[in-house]
């Protein structure tokens, strides 16, 4: 499985409804399919004239009888949502890319969790039946994975602490009487502060946020 690529952009391409990049990594060129929004964003970035553009991608490899397709994503969260989308019966990679290219990631997750069929149906190729199928099969799974709406809105730009750091913060706040849901929301809010690093910083930030929202 090819899960990550980093290399030089040799060519941008567009073929019918698909678009992507030819990415050269250690002398090998990989054709990677991108969704429209990411493709347009990266192509528009200013680049030094004296050096080739470099690009790093999380990737998903799909093996089919008629060939292999490699899909590229800006973040791991975006790739994981793509995998969830194509796991739904009747939802193929092109429709999943259409959703990811039409909605920013937090907005798409919110629409799925809230079963907002009207909103989902705005994406190209997504009819009401497809929207219903996606909401029915994914809303609970995504709500459990991404948490409450506050964290969904922040997840793409503000990673939460992990491992021992997160455990220390959660245990301390639990000992002070806070419920898991409250702690989860506080962590998501404090994650936007780039100066927060140590467990003490996280705990102080969470306590300030919790005090304001009680």
N, C-alpha and C. Protein backbone atom coordinates (compact mmCIF):
# COMPACT_ATOMS: atom_id res chain seq x y z
N UNK A 1 0.84 -1.20 0.00
CA UNK A 1 0.00 0.00 0.00
C UNK A 1 0.88 1.24 0.00
N UNK A 2 0.59 2.16 -0.92
CA UNK A 2 1.29 3.45 -0.97
C UNK A 2 0.47 4.44 -0.16
N UNK A 3 1.00 4.89 0.97
CA UNK A 3 0.23 5.76 1.86
C UNK A 3 0.70 7.20 1.91
N UNK A 4 1.90 7.47 1.34
CA UNK A 4 2.44 8.83 1.44
C UNK A 4 3.41 9.02 0.29
N UNK A 5 3.36 10.18 -0.34
CA UNK A 5 4.29 10.54 -1.39
C UNK A 5 4.76 11.97 -1.19
N UNK A 6 6.03 12.20 -1.45
CA UNK A 6 6.58 13.55 -1.42
C UNK A 6 7.58 13.66 -2.55
N UNK A 7 7.41 14.66 -3.40
CA UNK A 7 8.31 14.80 -4.53
C UNK A 7 8.10 16.09 -5.29
N UNK A 8 8.62 16.12 -6.51
CA UNK A 8 8.55 17.30 -7.36
C UNK A 8 7.39 17.18 -8.35
N UNK A 9 6.68 18.27 -8.52
CA UNK A 9 5.58 18.29 -9.48
C UNK A 9 6.17 18.42 -10.89
N UNK A 10 5.91 17.40 -11.70
CA UNK A 10 6.37 17.44 -13.08
C UNK A 10 5.28 17.95 -14.03
N UNK A 11 4.02 17.66 -13.67
CA UNK A 11 2.94 18.04 -14.58
C UNK A 11 1.61 18.06 -13.84
N UNK A 12 0.77 19.06 -14.17
CA UNK A 12 -0.63 19.06 -13.74
C UNK A 12 -1.46 18.55 -14.91
N UNK A 13 -2.47 17.74 -14.64
CA UNK A 13 -3.24 17.19 -15.74
C UNK A 13 -4.74 17.21 -15.45
N UNK A 14 -5.52 17.19 -16.51
CA UNK A 14 -6.98 17.17 -16.44
C UNK A 14 -7.47 16.26 -17.55
N UNK A 15 -8.25 15.23 -17.19
CA UNK A 15 -8.80 14.30 -18.18
C UNK A 15 -10.28 14.09 -17.86
N UNK A 16 -11.13 14.72 -18.62
CA UNK A 16 -12.55 14.62 -18.37
C UNK A 16 -12.90 15.17 -17.01
N UNK A 17 -13.55 14.35 -16.18
CA UNK A 17 -13.96 14.79 -14.85
C UNK A 17 -12.85 14.64 -13.81
N UNK A 18 -11.72 14.07 -14.21
CA UNK A 18 -10.63 13.86 -13.26
C UNK A 18 -9.51 14.85 -13.49
N UNK A 19 -8.84 15.20 -12.39
CA UNK A 19 -7.69 16.06 -12.45
C UNK A 19 -6.67 15.58 -11.43
N UNK A 20 -5.40 15.92 -11.69
CA UNK A 20 -4.39 15.45 -10.75
C UNK A 20 -3.02 15.99 -11.08
N UNK A 21 -2.01 15.26 -10.60
CA UNK A 21 -0.64 15.71 -10.71
C UNK A 21 0.26 14.52 -11.01
N UNK A 22 1.31 14.77 -11.79
CA UNK A 22 2.37 13.79 -11.98
C UNK A 22 3.48 14.16 -11.01
N UNK A 23 3.67 13.33 -10.00
CA UNK A 23 4.60 13.62 -8.91
C UNK A 23 5.81 12.70 -9.04
N UNK A 24 6.99 13.29 -9.17
CA UNK A 24 8.22 12.52 -9.34
C UNK A 24 8.90 12.34 -7.99
N UNK A 25 9.04 11.08 -7.59
CA UNK A 25 9.66 10.74 -6.30
C UNK A 25 10.83 9.78 -6.57
N UNK A 26 12.05 10.24 -6.35
CA UNK A 26 13.24 9.41 -6.54
C UNK A 26 13.27 8.77 -7.93
N UNK A 27 12.97 9.58 -8.94
CA UNK A 27 13.07 9.13 -10.31
C UNK A 27 11.87 8.39 -10.85
N UNK A 28 10.83 8.19 -10.04
CA UNK A 28 9.62 7.51 -10.47
C UNK A 28 8.46 8.50 -10.46
N UNK A 29 7.69 8.53 -11.56
CA UNK A 29 6.56 9.46 -11.65
C UNK A 29 5.25 8.78 -11.31
N UNK A 30 4.53 9.34 -10.37
CA UNK A 30 3.23 8.80 -9.94
C UNK A 30 2.12 9.73 -10.40
N UNK A 31 1.14 9.20 -11.13
CA UNK A 31 -0.04 9.97 -11.47
C UNK A 31 -1.03 9.87 -10.32
N UNK A 32 -1.33 11.00 -9.71
CA UNK A 32 -2.18 11.01 -8.52
C UNK A 32 -3.43 11.84 -8.82
N UNK A 33 -4.59 11.27 -8.53
CA UNK A 33 -5.87 11.96 -8.72
C UNK A 33 -6.15 12.83 -7.50
N UNK A 34 -6.53 14.09 -7.72
CA UNK A 34 -6.86 15.02 -6.64
C UNK A 34 -8.28 15.52 -6.82
N UNK A 35 -8.92 15.91 -5.72
CA UNK A 35 -10.22 16.54 -5.89
C UNK A 35 -10.03 17.99 -6.35
N UNK A 36 -11.08 18.56 -6.92
CA UNK A 36 -10.99 19.82 -7.63
C UNK A 36 -10.49 20.96 -6.74
N UNK A 37 -10.98 21.05 -5.52
CA UNK A 37 -10.62 22.18 -4.64
C UNK A 37 -9.13 22.14 -4.29
N UNK A 38 -8.61 20.95 -3.96
CA UNK A 38 -7.20 20.81 -3.61
C UNK A 38 -6.33 21.06 -4.85
N UNK A 39 -6.75 20.53 -5.99
CA UNK A 39 -6.02 20.72 -7.24
C UNK A 39 -5.87 22.20 -7.56
N UNK A 40 -6.97 22.94 -7.46
CA UNK A 40 -6.94 24.37 -7.77
C UNK A 40 -6.11 25.15 -6.77
N UNK A 41 -6.22 24.77 -5.49
CA UNK A 41 -5.49 25.47 -4.44
C UNK A 41 -3.98 25.33 -4.62
N UNK A 42 -3.52 24.10 -4.83
CA UNK A 42 -2.08 23.87 -4.91
C UNK A 42 -1.50 24.47 -6.18
N UNK A 43 -2.24 24.41 -7.27
CA UNK A 43 -1.76 24.99 -8.52
C UNK A 43 -1.60 26.51 -8.40
N UNK A 44 -2.42 27.12 -7.55
CA UNK A 44 -2.39 28.57 -7.41
C UNK A 44 -1.36 29.09 -6.43
N UNK A 45 -0.65 28.21 -5.74
CA UNK A 45 0.34 28.67 -4.76
C UNK A 45 1.55 29.28 -5.46
N UNK A 46 2.07 30.39 -4.95
CA UNK A 46 3.28 30.98 -5.57
C UNK A 46 4.49 30.07 -5.36
N UNK A 47 5.30 29.94 -6.40
CA UNK A 47 6.47 29.07 -6.33
C UNK A 47 7.71 29.81 -6.82
N UNK A 48 8.89 29.51 -6.24
CA UNK A 48 10.13 30.12 -6.74
C UNK A 48 10.36 29.73 -8.20
N UNK A 49 10.80 30.69 -8.99
CA UNK A 49 11.00 30.42 -10.41
C UNK A 49 12.22 29.56 -10.69
N UNK A 50 13.14 29.49 -9.73
CA UNK A 50 14.40 28.78 -9.98
C UNK A 50 14.41 27.37 -9.41
N UNK A 51 13.27 26.88 -8.90
CA UNK A 51 13.25 25.52 -8.37
C UNK A 51 11.87 24.89 -8.63
N UNK A 52 11.82 23.57 -8.82
CA UNK A 52 10.53 22.91 -9.09
C UNK A 52 9.63 22.92 -7.86
N UNK A 53 8.34 22.94 -8.11
CA UNK A 53 7.36 22.89 -7.02
C UNK A 53 7.39 21.52 -6.36
N UNK A 54 7.37 21.50 -5.03
CA UNK A 54 7.34 20.24 -4.28
C UNK A 54 5.96 20.08 -3.64
N UNK A 55 5.58 18.82 -3.47
CA UNK A 55 4.26 18.52 -2.94
C UNK A 55 4.32 17.24 -2.13
N UNK A 56 3.65 17.24 -0.99
CA UNK A 56 3.54 16.04 -0.15
C UNK A 56 2.07 15.68 -0.01
N UNK A 57 1.76 14.39 -0.12
CA UNK A 57 0.38 13.93 -0.14
C UNK A 57 0.19 12.68 0.71
N UNK A 58 -0.93 12.59 1.40
CA UNK A 58 -1.42 11.31 1.90
C UNK A 58 -2.14 10.63 0.73
N UNK A 59 -1.94 9.35 0.54
CA UNK A 59 -2.50 8.70 -0.64
C UNK A 59 -3.32 7.46 -0.29
N UNK A 60 -4.23 7.14 -1.20
CA UNK A 60 -5.04 5.91 -1.11
C UNK A 60 -4.93 5.21 -2.46
N UNK A 61 -4.53 3.94 -2.44
CA UNK A 61 -4.37 3.16 -3.65
C UNK A 61 -5.59 2.26 -3.85
N UNK A 62 -6.23 2.40 -4.99
CA UNK A 62 -7.36 1.53 -5.33
C UNK A 62 -6.94 0.58 -6.45
N UNK A 63 -7.02 -0.72 -6.18
CA UNK A 63 -6.64 -1.74 -7.16
C UNK A 63 -7.91 -2.25 -7.83
N UNK A 64 -7.97 -2.11 -9.16
CA UNK A 64 -9.14 -2.55 -9.92
C UNK A 64 -8.68 -3.48 -11.04
N UNK A 65 -9.63 -4.21 -11.61
CA UNK A 65 -9.30 -5.13 -12.70
C UNK A 65 -8.75 -4.40 -13.92
N UNK A 66 -9.22 -3.17 -14.14
CA UNK A 66 -8.80 -2.43 -15.33
C UNK A 66 -7.66 -1.46 -15.04
N UNK A 67 -7.07 -1.53 -13.86
CA UNK A 67 -5.93 -0.68 -13.55
C UNK A 67 -5.93 -0.22 -12.10
N UNK A 68 -4.85 0.43 -11.71
CA UNK A 68 -4.70 0.96 -10.36
C UNK A 68 -4.88 2.47 -10.40
N UNK A 69 -5.53 3.00 -9.37
CA UNK A 69 -5.72 4.44 -9.25
C UNK A 69 -5.15 4.89 -7.91
N UNK A 70 -4.40 5.99 -7.95
CA UNK A 70 -3.81 6.54 -6.74
C UNK A 70 -4.45 7.90 -6.48
N UNK A 71 -5.05 8.07 -5.31
CA UNK A 71 -5.72 9.32 -4.94
C UNK A 71 -4.89 10.04 -3.88
N UNK A 72 -4.79 11.36 -4.01
CA UNK A 72 -3.98 12.14 -3.07
C UNK A 72 -4.82 13.13 -2.27
N UNK A 73 -4.38 13.35 -1.01
CA UNK A 73 -5.13 14.21 -0.09
C UNK A 73 -4.16 15.06 0.73
N UNK A 74 -4.66 16.23 1.12
CA UNK A 74 -3.82 17.17 1.86
C UNK A 74 -3.57 16.71 3.29
N UNK A 75 -4.56 16.07 3.92
CA UNK A 75 -4.45 15.65 5.32
C UNK A 75 -4.87 14.20 5.47
N UNK A 76 -4.43 13.59 6.56
CA UNK A 76 -4.84 12.22 6.85
C UNK A 76 -6.33 12.15 7.14
N UNK A 77 -6.88 13.18 7.80
CA UNK A 77 -8.32 13.19 8.10
C UNK A 77 -9.14 13.18 6.82
N UNK A 78 -8.67 13.91 5.82
CA UNK A 78 -9.39 13.95 4.54
C UNK A 78 -9.34 12.58 3.86
N UNK A 79 -8.19 11.93 3.91
CA UNK A 79 -8.08 10.58 3.32
C UNK A 79 -8.98 9.60 4.04
N UNK A 80 -9.03 9.68 5.37
CA UNK A 80 -9.87 8.75 6.12
C UNK A 80 -11.35 8.95 5.81
N UNK A 81 -11.75 10.21 5.61
CA UNK A 81 -13.15 10.45 5.26
C UNK A 81 -13.44 9.91 3.86
N UNK A 82 -12.50 10.06 2.93
CA UNK A 82 -12.66 9.48 1.60
C UNK A 82 -12.88 7.97 1.71
N UNK A 83 -12.12 7.31 2.56
CA UNK A 83 -12.27 5.86 2.72
C UNK A 83 -13.62 5.51 3.31
N UNK A 84 -14.11 6.33 4.23
CA UNK A 84 -15.44 6.09 4.78
C UNK A 84 -16.51 6.26 3.70
N UNK A 85 -16.36 7.28 2.88
CA UNK A 85 -17.35 7.55 1.84
C UNK A 85 -17.44 6.40 0.85
N UNK A 86 -16.29 5.89 0.38
CA UNK A 86 -16.34 4.83 -0.63
C UNK A 86 -16.70 3.48 -0.04
N UNK A 87 -16.75 3.38 1.30
CA UNK A 87 -17.20 2.13 1.93
C UNK A 87 -18.72 1.99 1.86
N UNK A 88 -19.42 3.08 1.56
CA UNK A 88 -20.88 3.06 1.47
C UNK A 88 -21.29 2.48 0.12
N UNK A 89 -22.22 1.56 0.13
CA UNK A 89 -22.69 0.90 -1.10
C UNK A 89 -23.19 1.93 -2.11
N UNK A 90 -22.69 1.83 -3.34
CA UNK A 90 -23.13 2.72 -4.40
C UNK A 90 -22.37 4.03 -4.49
N UNK A 91 -21.42 4.27 -3.58
CA UNK A 91 -20.63 5.50 -3.59
C UNK A 91 -19.22 5.17 -4.09
N UNK A 92 -18.90 5.64 -5.28
CA UNK A 92 -17.60 5.38 -5.86
C UNK A 92 -16.61 6.51 -5.59
N UNK A 93 -15.35 6.31 -6.02
CA UNK A 93 -14.32 7.33 -5.78
C UNK A 93 -14.64 8.68 -6.40
N UNK A 94 -15.25 8.69 -7.59
CA UNK A 94 -15.51 9.97 -8.24
C UNK A 94 -16.53 10.80 -7.48
N UNK A 95 -17.56 10.13 -6.97
CA UNK A 95 -18.57 10.85 -6.19
C UNK A 95 -17.97 11.33 -4.86
N UNK A 96 -17.14 10.48 -4.24
CA UNK A 96 -16.49 10.87 -2.99
C UNK A 96 -15.58 12.08 -3.20
N UNK A 97 -14.84 12.09 -4.31
CA UNK A 97 -13.99 13.24 -4.62
C UNK A 97 -14.83 14.48 -4.89
N UNK A 98 -16.01 14.28 -5.51
CA UNK A 98 -16.90 15.41 -5.75
C UNK A 98 -17.34 16.06 -4.45
N UNK A 99 -17.64 15.24 -3.44
CA UNK A 99 -18.03 15.77 -2.13
C UNK A 99 -16.87 16.50 -1.47
N UNK A 100 -15.69 15.89 -1.48
CA UNK A 100 -14.53 16.51 -0.84
C UNK A 100 -14.09 17.78 -1.57
N UNK A 101 -14.30 17.81 -2.88
CA UNK A 101 -13.93 18.99 -3.64
C UNK A 101 -14.93 20.12 -3.51
N UNK A 102 -16.16 19.79 -3.15
CA UNK A 102 -17.21 20.80 -3.04
C UNK A 102 -17.26 21.42 -1.64
N UNK A 103 -17.07 20.59 -0.60
CA UNK A 103 -17.16 21.06 0.79
C UNK A 103 -15.78 21.06 1.45
N UNK A 104 -15.44 22.07 2.25
CA UNK A 104 -14.32 21.94 3.18
C UNK A 104 -14.60 20.77 4.13
N UNK A 105 -13.56 20.13 4.61
CA UNK A 105 -13.73 18.90 5.39
C UNK A 105 -14.65 19.06 6.60
N UNK A 106 -14.46 20.08 7.46
CA UNK A 106 -15.37 20.19 8.61
C UNK A 106 -16.83 20.37 8.20
N UNK A 107 -17.05 21.11 7.10
CA UNK A 107 -18.40 21.37 6.64
C UNK A 107 -19.06 20.08 6.13
N UNK A 108 -18.28 19.24 5.45
CA UNK A 108 -18.81 17.97 4.95
C UNK A 108 -19.15 17.03 6.10
N UNK A 109 -18.28 16.95 7.09
CA UNK A 109 -18.55 16.09 8.24
C UNK A 109 -19.81 16.56 8.97
N UNK A 110 -19.95 17.86 9.15
CA UNK A 110 -21.14 18.39 9.82
C UNK A 110 -22.40 18.04 9.05
N UNK A 111 -22.36 18.17 7.72
CA UNK A 111 -23.54 17.86 6.91
C UNK A 111 -23.92 16.39 7.03
N UNK A 112 -22.92 15.51 7.10
CA UNK A 112 -23.19 14.08 7.25
C UNK A 112 -23.72 13.74 8.63
N UNK A 113 -23.09 14.31 9.67
CA UNK A 113 -23.51 14.03 11.04
C UNK A 113 -24.92 14.56 11.29
N UNK A 114 -25.24 15.71 10.71
CA UNK A 114 -26.56 16.31 10.90
C UNK A 114 -27.60 15.81 9.89
N UNK A 115 -27.17 14.88 9.00
CA UNK A 115 -28.06 14.34 7.95
C UNK A 115 -28.74 15.47 7.18
N UNK A 116 -27.94 16.46 6.79
CA UNK A 116 -28.44 17.61 6.05
C UNK A 116 -28.49 17.22 4.57
N UNK A 117 -29.58 16.59 4.15
CA UNK A 117 -29.68 16.05 2.79
C UNK A 117 -29.68 17.15 1.73
N UNK A 118 -30.33 18.25 2.03
CA UNK A 118 -30.37 19.37 1.07
C UNK A 118 -28.96 19.88 0.80
N UNK A 119 -28.20 20.01 1.85
CA UNK A 119 -26.83 20.51 1.71
C UNK A 119 -25.96 19.51 0.95
N UNK A 120 -26.05 18.22 1.30
CA UNK A 120 -25.24 17.20 0.64
C UNK A 120 -25.57 17.11 -0.84
N UNK A 121 -26.84 17.29 -1.18
CA UNK A 121 -27.28 17.16 -2.57
C UNK A 121 -26.78 18.30 -3.46
N UNK A 122 -26.17 19.31 -2.87
CA UNK A 122 -25.62 20.41 -3.66
C UNK A 122 -24.33 20.00 -4.37
N UNK A 123 -23.65 18.97 -3.86
CA UNK A 123 -22.40 18.52 -4.47
C UNK A 123 -22.68 17.87 -5.82
N UNK A 124 -21.76 18.01 -6.78
CA UNK A 124 -21.99 17.45 -8.12
C UNK A 124 -22.13 15.93 -8.09
N UNK A 125 -23.18 15.44 -8.73
CA UNK A 125 -23.39 14.00 -8.84
C UNK A 125 -24.09 13.36 -7.66
N UNK A 126 -24.40 14.13 -6.63
CA UNK A 126 -25.03 13.58 -5.42
C UNK A 126 -26.52 13.87 -5.46
N UNK A 127 -27.33 12.83 -5.65
CA UNK A 127 -28.78 12.98 -5.59
C UNK A 127 -29.30 12.74 -4.19
N UNK A 128 -30.59 12.88 -4.02
CA UNK A 128 -31.17 12.72 -2.68
C UNK A 128 -30.97 11.30 -2.14
N UNK A 129 -31.10 10.29 -3.01
CA UNK A 129 -30.93 8.91 -2.55
C UNK A 129 -29.50 8.66 -2.08
N UNK A 130 -28.53 9.17 -2.82
CA UNK A 130 -27.14 9.02 -2.39
C UNK A 130 -26.89 9.74 -1.08
N UNK A 131 -27.45 10.93 -0.94
CA UNK A 131 -27.29 11.69 0.29
C UNK A 131 -27.90 10.95 1.47
N UNK A 132 -29.08 10.37 1.28
CA UNK A 132 -29.73 9.60 2.34
C UNK A 132 -28.87 8.40 2.75
N UNK A 133 -28.34 7.70 1.75
CA UNK A 133 -27.53 6.51 2.04
C UNK A 133 -26.28 6.89 2.82
N UNK A 134 -25.64 7.98 2.43
CA UNK A 134 -24.44 8.44 3.13
C UNK A 134 -24.76 8.82 4.58
N UNK A 135 -25.84 9.56 4.78
CA UNK A 135 -26.19 10.01 6.12
C UNK A 135 -26.56 8.83 7.01
N UNK A 136 -27.34 7.90 6.49
CA UNK A 136 -27.78 6.75 7.28
C UNK A 136 -26.59 5.91 7.73
N UNK A 137 -25.64 5.68 6.81
CA UNK A 137 -24.54 4.76 7.12
C UNK A 137 -23.38 5.42 7.86
N UNK A 138 -23.23 6.75 7.75
CA UNK A 138 -22.03 7.38 8.28
C UNK A 138 -22.26 8.33 9.45
N UNK A 139 -23.49 8.80 9.68
CA UNK A 139 -23.67 9.87 10.66
C UNK A 139 -23.21 9.45 12.05
N UNK A 140 -23.59 8.25 12.50
CA UNK A 140 -23.20 7.83 13.85
C UNK A 140 -21.70 7.56 13.92
N UNK A 141 -21.16 6.90 12.90
CA UNK A 141 -19.73 6.59 12.88
C UNK A 141 -18.88 7.86 12.92
N UNK A 142 -19.27 8.85 12.13
CA UNK A 142 -18.50 10.10 12.09
C UNK A 142 -18.67 10.90 13.37
N UNK A 143 -19.85 10.88 13.96
CA UNK A 143 -20.06 11.59 15.22
C UNK A 143 -19.17 11.00 16.31
N UNK A 144 -19.03 9.67 16.32
CA UNK A 144 -18.18 9.02 17.32
C UNK A 144 -16.71 9.33 17.07
N UNK A 145 -16.31 9.40 15.80
CA UNK A 145 -14.91 9.62 15.47
C UNK A 145 -14.48 11.06 15.68
N UNK A 146 -15.29 12.02 15.21
CA UNK A 146 -14.88 13.41 15.22
C UNK A 146 -15.42 14.20 16.39
N UNK A 147 -16.34 13.63 17.17
CA UNK A 147 -16.80 14.32 18.35
C UNK A 147 -17.88 15.34 18.06
N UNK A 148 -18.14 16.25 19.01
CA UNK A 148 -19.20 17.24 18.88
C UNK A 148 -18.90 18.27 17.82
N UNK A 149 -19.90 19.09 17.52
CA UNK A 149 -19.79 20.06 16.44
C UNK A 149 -18.62 21.01 16.64
N UNK A 150 -18.32 21.38 17.89
CA UNK A 150 -17.22 22.31 18.15
C UNK A 150 -15.90 21.74 17.67
N UNK A 151 -15.70 20.42 17.90
CA UNK A 151 -14.43 19.83 17.48
C UNK A 151 -14.40 19.61 15.98
N UNK A 152 -15.53 19.27 15.39
CA UNK A 152 -15.59 19.09 13.94
C UNK A 152 -15.14 20.36 13.24
N UNK A 153 -15.56 21.49 13.74
CA UNK A 153 -15.22 22.77 13.11
C UNK A 153 -13.73 23.08 13.20
N UNK A 154 -13.02 22.46 14.16
CA UNK A 154 -11.62 22.77 14.39
C UNK A 154 -10.67 21.68 13.91
N UNK A 155 -11.19 20.49 13.59
CA UNK A 155 -10.35 19.31 13.45
C UNK A 155 -9.32 19.45 12.34
N UNK A 156 -9.61 20.22 11.28
CA UNK A 156 -8.70 20.26 10.15
C UNK A 156 -7.50 21.17 10.39
N UNK A 157 -7.56 22.03 11.41
CA UNK A 157 -6.48 22.98 11.63
C UNK A 157 -5.92 22.91 13.05
N UNK A 158 -6.55 22.19 13.94
CA UNK A 158 -6.14 22.20 15.34
C UNK A 158 -6.12 20.77 15.90
N UNK A 159 -5.00 20.04 15.74
CA UNK A 159 -4.94 18.68 16.26
C UNK A 159 -4.98 18.64 17.77
N UNK A 160 -5.69 17.67 18.32
CA UNK A 160 -5.78 17.50 19.76
C UNK A 160 -4.54 16.79 20.28
N UNK A 161 -4.24 16.93 21.58
CA UNK A 161 -3.10 16.19 22.15
C UNK A 161 -3.36 14.70 22.11
N UNK A 162 -2.30 13.92 22.10
CA UNK A 162 -2.44 12.47 22.04
C UNK A 162 -1.59 11.81 23.13
N UNK A 163 -1.79 10.50 23.29
CA UNK A 163 -0.95 9.70 24.17
C UNK A 163 -1.00 10.13 25.62
N UNK A 164 0.19 10.10 26.25
CA UNK A 164 0.30 10.38 27.69
C UNK A 164 -0.13 11.81 28.01
N UNK A 165 0.17 12.75 27.11
CA UNK A 165 -0.21 14.15 27.34
C UNK A 165 -1.72 14.28 27.49
N UNK A 166 -2.46 13.69 26.55
CA UNK A 166 -3.91 13.78 26.61
C UNK A 166 -4.45 13.06 27.84
N UNK A 167 -3.87 11.92 28.17
CA UNK A 167 -4.33 11.17 29.34
C UNK A 167 -4.14 11.97 30.62
N UNK A 168 -2.98 12.64 30.74
CA UNK A 168 -2.73 13.47 31.93
C UNK A 168 -3.77 14.57 32.08
N UNK A 169 -4.05 15.23 30.96
CA UNK A 169 -5.02 16.34 31.00
C UNK A 169 -6.41 15.82 31.34
N UNK A 170 -6.84 14.74 30.69
CA UNK A 170 -8.18 14.20 30.92
C UNK A 170 -8.35 13.71 32.35
N UNK A 171 -7.34 13.03 32.90
CA UNK A 171 -7.43 12.53 34.27
C UNK A 171 -7.50 13.67 35.28
N UNK A 172 -6.70 14.71 35.05
CA UNK A 172 -6.71 15.86 35.97
C UNK A 172 -8.06 16.55 35.96
N UNK A 173 -8.61 16.79 34.77
CA UNK A 173 -9.90 17.47 34.69
C UNK A 173 -11.03 16.59 35.21
N UNK A 174 -10.93 15.29 35.00
CA UNK A 174 -11.94 14.38 35.54
C UNK A 174 -11.91 14.39 37.06
N UNK A 175 -10.70 14.46 37.63
CA UNK A 175 -10.57 14.51 39.09
C UNK A 175 -11.17 15.78 39.67
N UNK A 176 -11.25 16.83 38.84
CA UNK A 176 -11.84 18.09 39.28
C UNK A 176 -13.35 18.11 39.08
N UNK A 177 -13.90 16.99 38.56
CA UNK A 177 -15.35 16.87 38.47
C UNK A 177 -15.96 17.14 37.11
N UNK A 178 -15.13 17.31 36.09
CA UNK A 178 -15.67 17.59 34.76
C UNK A 178 -16.02 16.31 34.02
N UNK A 179 -17.12 16.36 33.27
CA UNK A 179 -17.57 15.21 32.49
C UNK A 179 -16.74 15.05 31.22
N UNK A 180 -16.67 13.81 30.68
CA UNK A 180 -15.88 13.58 29.46
C UNK A 180 -16.26 14.48 28.30
N UNK A 181 -17.56 14.72 28.11
CA UNK A 181 -17.99 15.60 27.03
C UNK A 181 -17.48 17.01 27.19
N UNK A 182 -17.50 17.52 28.42
CA UNK A 182 -16.99 18.87 28.68
C UNK A 182 -15.49 18.95 28.40
N UNK A 183 -14.77 17.92 28.83
CA UNK A 183 -13.33 17.88 28.62
C UNK A 183 -13.01 17.85 27.13
N UNK A 184 -13.76 17.07 26.38
CA UNK A 184 -13.56 16.93 24.94
C UNK A 184 -13.72 18.28 24.24
N UNK A 185 -14.76 19.02 24.58
CA UNK A 185 -15.00 20.33 23.98
C UNK A 185 -13.91 21.33 24.37
N UNK A 186 -13.48 21.27 25.63
CA UNK A 186 -12.44 22.18 26.08
C UNK A 186 -11.13 21.92 25.35
N UNK A 187 -10.77 20.66 25.16
CA UNK A 187 -9.55 20.32 24.43
C UNK A 187 -9.60 20.85 23.00
N UNK A 188 -10.76 20.68 22.34
CA UNK A 188 -10.91 21.15 20.96
C UNK A 188 -10.75 22.66 20.88
N UNK A 189 -11.27 23.37 21.87
CA UNK A 189 -11.17 24.83 21.88
C UNK A 189 -9.74 25.30 22.13
N UNK A 190 -9.08 24.68 23.11
CA UNK A 190 -7.72 25.09 23.48
C UNK A 190 -6.71 24.73 22.40
N UNK A 191 -7.03 23.72 21.57
CA UNK A 191 -6.11 23.27 20.52
C UNK A 191 -5.79 24.36 19.51
N UNK A 192 -6.62 25.40 19.42
CA UNK A 192 -6.36 26.49 18.47
C UNK A 192 -5.24 27.42 18.95
N UNK A 193 -4.83 27.29 20.22
CA UNK A 193 -3.76 28.13 20.77
C UNK A 193 -2.42 27.45 20.51
N UNK A 194 -1.61 28.01 19.63
CA UNK A 194 -0.35 27.38 19.25
C UNK A 194 0.70 27.43 20.35
N UNK A 195 0.49 28.25 21.38
CA UNK A 195 1.46 28.36 22.47
C UNK A 195 1.28 27.26 23.52
N UNK A 196 0.21 26.48 23.41
CA UNK A 196 -0.07 25.43 24.38
C UNK A 196 0.79 24.21 24.05
N UNK A 197 1.63 23.79 25.02
CA UNK A 197 2.52 22.66 24.77
C UNK A 197 2.53 21.65 25.91
N UNK A 198 2.80 22.10 27.14
CA UNK A 198 2.93 21.18 28.27
C UNK A 198 1.55 20.79 28.81
N UNK A 199 1.49 19.71 29.62
CA UNK A 199 0.21 19.36 30.25
C UNK A 199 -0.35 20.50 31.08
N UNK A 200 0.53 21.26 31.75
CA UNK A 200 0.06 22.37 32.56
C UNK A 200 -0.59 23.45 31.70
N UNK A 201 -0.01 23.71 30.53
CA UNK A 201 -0.60 24.69 29.61
C UNK A 201 -2.00 24.24 29.18
N UNK A 202 -2.12 22.96 28.83
CA UNK A 202 -3.42 22.44 28.39
C UNK A 202 -4.45 22.51 29.52
N UNK A 203 -4.04 22.14 30.72
CA UNK A 203 -4.97 22.14 31.86
C UNK A 203 -5.44 23.56 32.17
N UNK A 204 -4.49 24.51 32.21
CA UNK A 204 -4.88 25.91 32.47
C UNK A 204 -5.83 26.43 31.40
N UNK A 205 -5.50 26.14 30.14
CA UNK A 205 -6.35 26.60 29.05
C UNK A 205 -7.74 25.99 29.11
N UNK A 206 -7.80 24.68 29.42
CA UNK A 206 -9.10 24.01 29.52
C UNK A 206 -9.91 24.57 30.68
N UNK A 207 -9.28 24.83 31.79
CA UNK A 207 -9.99 25.36 32.95
C UNK A 207 -10.55 26.76 32.65
N UNK A 208 -9.77 27.57 31.94
CA UNK A 208 -10.27 28.90 31.58
C UNK A 208 -11.48 28.78 30.66
N UNK A 209 -11.40 27.88 29.69
CA UNK A 209 -12.51 27.71 28.75
C UNK A 209 -13.73 27.18 29.47
N UNK A 210 -13.55 26.20 30.34
CA UNK A 210 -14.67 25.60 31.07
C UNK A 210 -15.33 26.63 32.00
N UNK A 211 -14.51 27.49 32.61
CA UNK A 211 -15.06 28.51 33.51
C UNK A 211 -15.93 29.50 32.73
N UNK A 212 -15.56 29.80 31.50
CA UNK A 212 -16.34 30.74 30.69
C UNK A 212 -17.64 30.12 30.16
N UNK A 213 -17.68 28.80 30.06
CA UNK A 213 -18.82 28.14 29.41
C UNK A 213 -19.70 27.37 30.38
N UNK A 214 -19.56 27.64 31.65
CA UNK A 214 -20.43 26.97 32.63
C UNK A 214 -21.64 27.85 32.92
